[in-house]
Amino acid sequence: MVNRQVVGAHYGLRDWLVQRVTAVIMLVYAIGIVAFLLLASGASYEAWQQLFACTWVKVLTTVTVVALLWHAWVGIRDIWMDYVQPVGIRLTLHVLTILWLVASFIYSIHVVWGA
């Protein structure tokens, strides 16, 4: 029997599934935005304001932003875990990444919901 040592990122079904599900969410949202662009030819600033005034668009946008940030976290975390060996540097990079993602989420809430 071969002893296999698994080091680095969290290799597993959950992370693989998160990446796929979040990618699908972002794809569906992107298709919706492209459809709006194609169907609302010559869409003005007012048309965009009307679209994003709808609560369901705000909710879908927020869900997509959360999917994007979760997708980014899994990918960046795996990069740090695989390629940064010193634990102190890796921990610092994890913390900085989390702070950046949280700040991005807060800013997105401010932009989308006008809080």
C-alpha atoms as a PDB file:
ATOM      1  CA  MET A   1       0.000   0.000   0.000  1.00  0.00           C
ATOM      2  CA  VAL A   2       1.347   3.414  -0.970  1.00  0.00           C
ATOM      3  CA  ASN A   3       1.190   6.177   1.613  1.00  0.00           C
ATOM      4  CA  ARG A   4       0.123   9.262  -0.241  1.00  0.00           C
ATOM      5  CA  GLN A   5       0.705  12.593   1.420  1.00  0.00           C
ATOM      6  CA  VAL A   6      -1.774  15.198   0.344  1.00  0.00           C
ATOM      7  CA  VAL A   7      -0.481  18.683   0.975  1.00  0.00           C
ATOM      8  CA  GLY A   8      -1.491  22.096  -0.213  1.00  0.00           C
ATOM      9  CA  ALA A   9      -5.002  23.088  -1.055  1.00  0.00           C
ATOM     10  CA  HIS A  10      -8.154  21.357   0.145  1.00  0.00           C
ATOM     11  CA  TYR A  11      -8.568  18.819  -2.610  1.00  0.00           C
ATOM     12  CA  GLY A  12     -12.112  17.650  -2.525  1.00  0.00           C
ATOM     13  CA  LEU A  13     -15.543  17.461  -3.978  1.00  0.00           C
ATOM     14  CA  ARG A  14     -16.901  20.446  -2.052  1.00  0.00           C
ATOM     15  CA  ASP A  15     -14.393  22.925  -3.489  1.00  0.00           C
ATOM     16  CA  TRP A  16     -14.794  21.471  -6.970  1.00  0.00           C
ATOM     17  CA  LEU A  17     -18.565  21.762  -6.691  1.00  0.00           C
ATOM     18  CA  VAL A  18     -18.398  25.330  -5.331  1.00  0.00           C
ATOM     19  CA  GLN A  19     -16.275  26.387  -8.300  1.00  0.00           C
ATOM     20  CA  ARG A  20     -18.729  24.856 -10.780  1.00  0.00           C
ATOM     21  CA  VAL A  21     -21.913  26.132  -9.121  1.00  0.00           C
ATOM     22  CA  THR A  22     -20.579  29.673  -8.699  1.00  0.00           C
ATOM     23  CA  ALA A  23     -19.360  29.660 -12.305  1.00  0.00           C
ATOM     24  CA  VAL A  24     -22.849  28.685 -13.501  1.00  0.00           C
ATOM     25  CA  ILE A  25     -24.417  31.464 -11.410  1.00  0.00           C
ATOM     26  CA  MET A  26     -22.036  34.021 -12.918  1.00  0.00           C
ATOM     27  CA  LEU A  27     -22.669  32.674 -16.440  1.00  0.00           C
ATOM     28  CA  VAL A  28     -26.444  32.904 -16.067  1.00  0.00           C
ATOM     29  CA  TYR A  29     -26.148  36.477 -14.769  1.00  0.00           C
ATOM     30  CA  ALA A  30     -23.810  37.437 -17.625  1.00  0.00           C
ATOM     31  CA  ILE A  31     -26.203  35.944 -20.182  1.00  0.00           C
ATOM     32  CA  GLY A  32     -29.028  37.966 -18.627  1.00  0.00           C
ATOM     33  CA  ILE A  33     -27.038  41.210 -18.842  1.00  0.00           C
ATOM     34  CA  VAL A  34     -26.037  40.487 -22.458  1.00  0.00           C
ATOM     35  CA  ALA A  35     -29.681  39.715 -23.291  1.00  0.00           C
ATOM     36  CA  PHE A  36     -30.685  43.065 -21.805  1.00  0.00           C
ATOM     37  CA  LEU A  37     -28.032  44.799 -23.894  1.00  0.00           C
ATOM     38  CA  LEU A  38     -29.219  43.089 -27.075  1.00  0.00           C
ATOM     39  CA  LEU A  39     -32.951  43.482 -26.459  1.00  0.00           C
ATOM     40  CA  ALA A  40     -32.790  47.058 -25.204  1.00  0.00           C
ATOM     41  CA  SER A  41     -30.882  48.486 -28.130  1.00  0.00           C
ATOM     42  CA  GLY A  42     -29.739  52.000 -27.362  1.00  0.00           C
ATOM     43  CA  ALA A  43     -30.447  51.518 -23.665  1.00  0.00           C
ATOM     44  CA  SER A  44     -29.966  54.780 -21.841  1.00  0.00           C
ATOM     45  CA  TYR A  45     -28.741  55.497 -18.361  1.00  0.00           C
ATOM     46  CA  GLU A  46     -32.383  55.780 -17.307  1.00  0.00           C
ATOM     47  CA  ALA A  47     -33.100  52.275 -18.655  1.00  0.00           C
ATOM     48  CA  TRP A  48     -30.228  50.878 -16.590  1.00  0.00           C
ATOM     49  CA  GLN A  49     -31.506  52.752 -13.555  1.00  0.00           C
ATOM     50  CA  GLN A  50     -34.980  51.286 -14.072  1.00  0.00           C
ATOM     51  CA  LEU A  51     -33.549  47.794 -14.443  1.00  0.00           C
ATOM     52  CA  PHE A  52     -31.475  48.029 -11.288  1.00  0.00           C
ATOM     53  CA  ALA A  53     -34.324  49.683  -9.369  1.00  0.00           C
ATOM     54  CA  CYS A  54     -36.113  46.314  -9.419  1.00  0.00           C
ATOM     55  CA  THR A  55     -35.601  44.403  -6.197  1.00  0.00           C
ATOM     56  CA  TRP A  56     -35.226  41.080  -8.010  1.00  0.00           C
ATOM     57  CA  VAL A  57     -32.339  42.486 -10.086  1.00  0.00           C
ATOM     58  CA  LYS A  58     -30.665  43.774  -6.938  1.00  0.00           C
ATOM     59  CA  VAL A  59     -31.061  40.365  -5.284  1.00  0.00           C
ATOM     60  CA  LEU A  60     -29.727  38.508  -8.340  1.00  0.00           C
ATOM     61  CA  THR A  61     -26.824  40.938  -8.585  1.00  0.00           C
ATOM     62  CA  THR A  62     -26.004  40.447  -4.909  1.00  0.00           C
ATOM     63  CA  VAL A  63     -26.202  36.655  -5.278  1.00  0.00           C
ATOM     64  CA  THR A  64     -23.879  36.878  -8.279  1.00  0.00           C
ATOM     65  CA  VAL A  65     -21.409  39.060  -6.386  1.00  0.00           C
ATOM     66  CA  VAL A  66     -21.419  36.564  -3.494  1.00  0.00           C
ATOM     67  CA  ALA A  67     -20.843  33.747  -6.019  1.00  0.00           C
ATOM     68  CA  LEU A  68     -17.980  35.705  -7.589  1.00  0.00           C
ATOM     69  CA  LEU A  69     -16.329  36.382  -4.239  1.00  0.00           C
ATOM     70  CA  TRP A  70     -16.746  32.759  -3.094  1.00  0.00           C
ATOM     71  CA  HIS A  71     -15.353  31.569  -6.427  1.00  0.00           C
ATOM     72  CA  ALA A  72     -12.400  33.929  -6.004  1.00  0.00           C
ATOM     73  CA  TRP A  73     -11.810  32.782  -2.419  1.00  0.00           C
ATOM     74  CA  VAL A  74     -11.624  29.100  -3.371  1.00  0.00           C
ATOM     75  CA  GLY A  75      -9.265  29.821  -6.258  1.00  0.00           C
ATOM     76  CA  ILE A  76      -6.977  32.250  -4.454  1.00  0.00           C
ATOM     77  CA  ARG A  77      -6.898  30.105  -1.310  1.00  0.00           C
ATOM     78  CA  ASP A  78      -5.814  27.127  -3.383  1.00  0.00           C
ATOM     79  CA  ILE A  79      -3.066  29.193  -4.996  1.00  0.00           C
ATOM     80  CA  TRP A  80      -1.746  30.326  -1.596  1.00  0.00           C
ATOM     81  CA  MET A  81      -1.983  26.785  -0.201  1.00  0.00           C
ATOM     82  CA  ASP A  82      -0.190  25.238  -3.198  1.00  0.00           C
ATOM     83  CA  TYR A  83       2.542  27.768  -3.910  1.00  0.00           C
ATOM     84  CA  VAL A  84       3.324  29.649  -0.690  1.00  0.00           C
ATOM     85  CA  GLN A  85       5.203  27.367   1.678  1.00  0.00           C
ATOM     86  CA  PRO A  86       6.118  29.594   4.687  1.00  0.00           C
ATOM     87  CA  VAL A  87       3.138  29.394   7.023  1.00  0.00           C
ATOM     88  CA  GLY A  88       3.428  32.989   8.228  1.00  0.00           C
ATOM     89  CA  ILE A  89       3.387  34.425   4.725  1.00  0.00           C
ATOM     90  CA  ARG A  90       0.546  32.116   3.709  1.00  0.00           C
ATOM     91  CA  LEU A  91      -1.523  33.145   6.745  1.00  0.00           C
ATOM     92  CA  THR A  92      -0.856  36.822   6.000  1.00  0.00           C
ATOM     93  CA  LEU A  93      -1.948  36.336   2.395  1.00  0.00           C
ATOM     94  CA  HIS A  94      -5.102  34.531   3.543  1.00  0.00           C
ATOM     95  CA  VAL A  95      -5.988  37.358   5.921  1.00  0.00           C
ATOM     96  CA  LEU A  96      -5.308  40.038   3.297  1.00  0.00           C
ATOM     97  CA  THR A  97      -7.400  38.123   0.758  1.00  0.00           C
ATOM     98  CA  ILE A  98     -10.298  37.790   3.208  1.00  0.00           C
ATOM     99  CA  LEU A  99     -10.127  41.501   4.040  1.00  0.00           C
ATOM    100  CA  TRP A 100     -10.131  42.385   0.338  1.00  0.00           C
ATOM    101  CA  LEU A 101     -13.101  40.085  -0.361  1.00  0.00           C
ATOM    102  CA  VAL A 102     -15.099  41.442   2.600  1.00  0.00           C
ATOM    103  CA  ALA A 103     -14.346  45.025   1.541  1.00  0.00           C
ATOM    104  CA  SER A 104     -15.417  44.169  -2.011  1.00  0.00           C
ATOM    105  CA  PHE A 105     -18.681  42.724  -0.710  1.00  0.00           C
ATOM    106  CA  ILE A 106     -19.394  45.787   1.419  1.00  0.00           C
ATOM    107  CA  TYR A 107     -18.678  48.079  -1.522  1.00  0.00           C
ATOM    108  CA  SER A 108     -20.918  45.999  -3.811  1.00  0.00           C
ATOM    109  CA  ILE A 109     -23.775  46.307  -1.309  1.00  0.00           C
ATOM    110  CA  HIS A 110     -23.250  50.062  -1.281  1.00  0.00           C
ATOM    111  CA  VAL A 111     -23.304  50.225  -5.094  1.00  0.00           C
ATOM    112  CA  VAL A 112     -26.202  47.833  -5.717  1.00  0.00           C
ATOM    113  CA  TRP A 113     -28.498  48.770  -2.842  1.00  0.00           C
ATOM    114  CA  GLY A 114     -27.477  52.404  -2.508  1.00  0.00           C
ATOM    115  CA  ALA A 115     -26.919  51.992   1.220  1.00  0.00           C
END
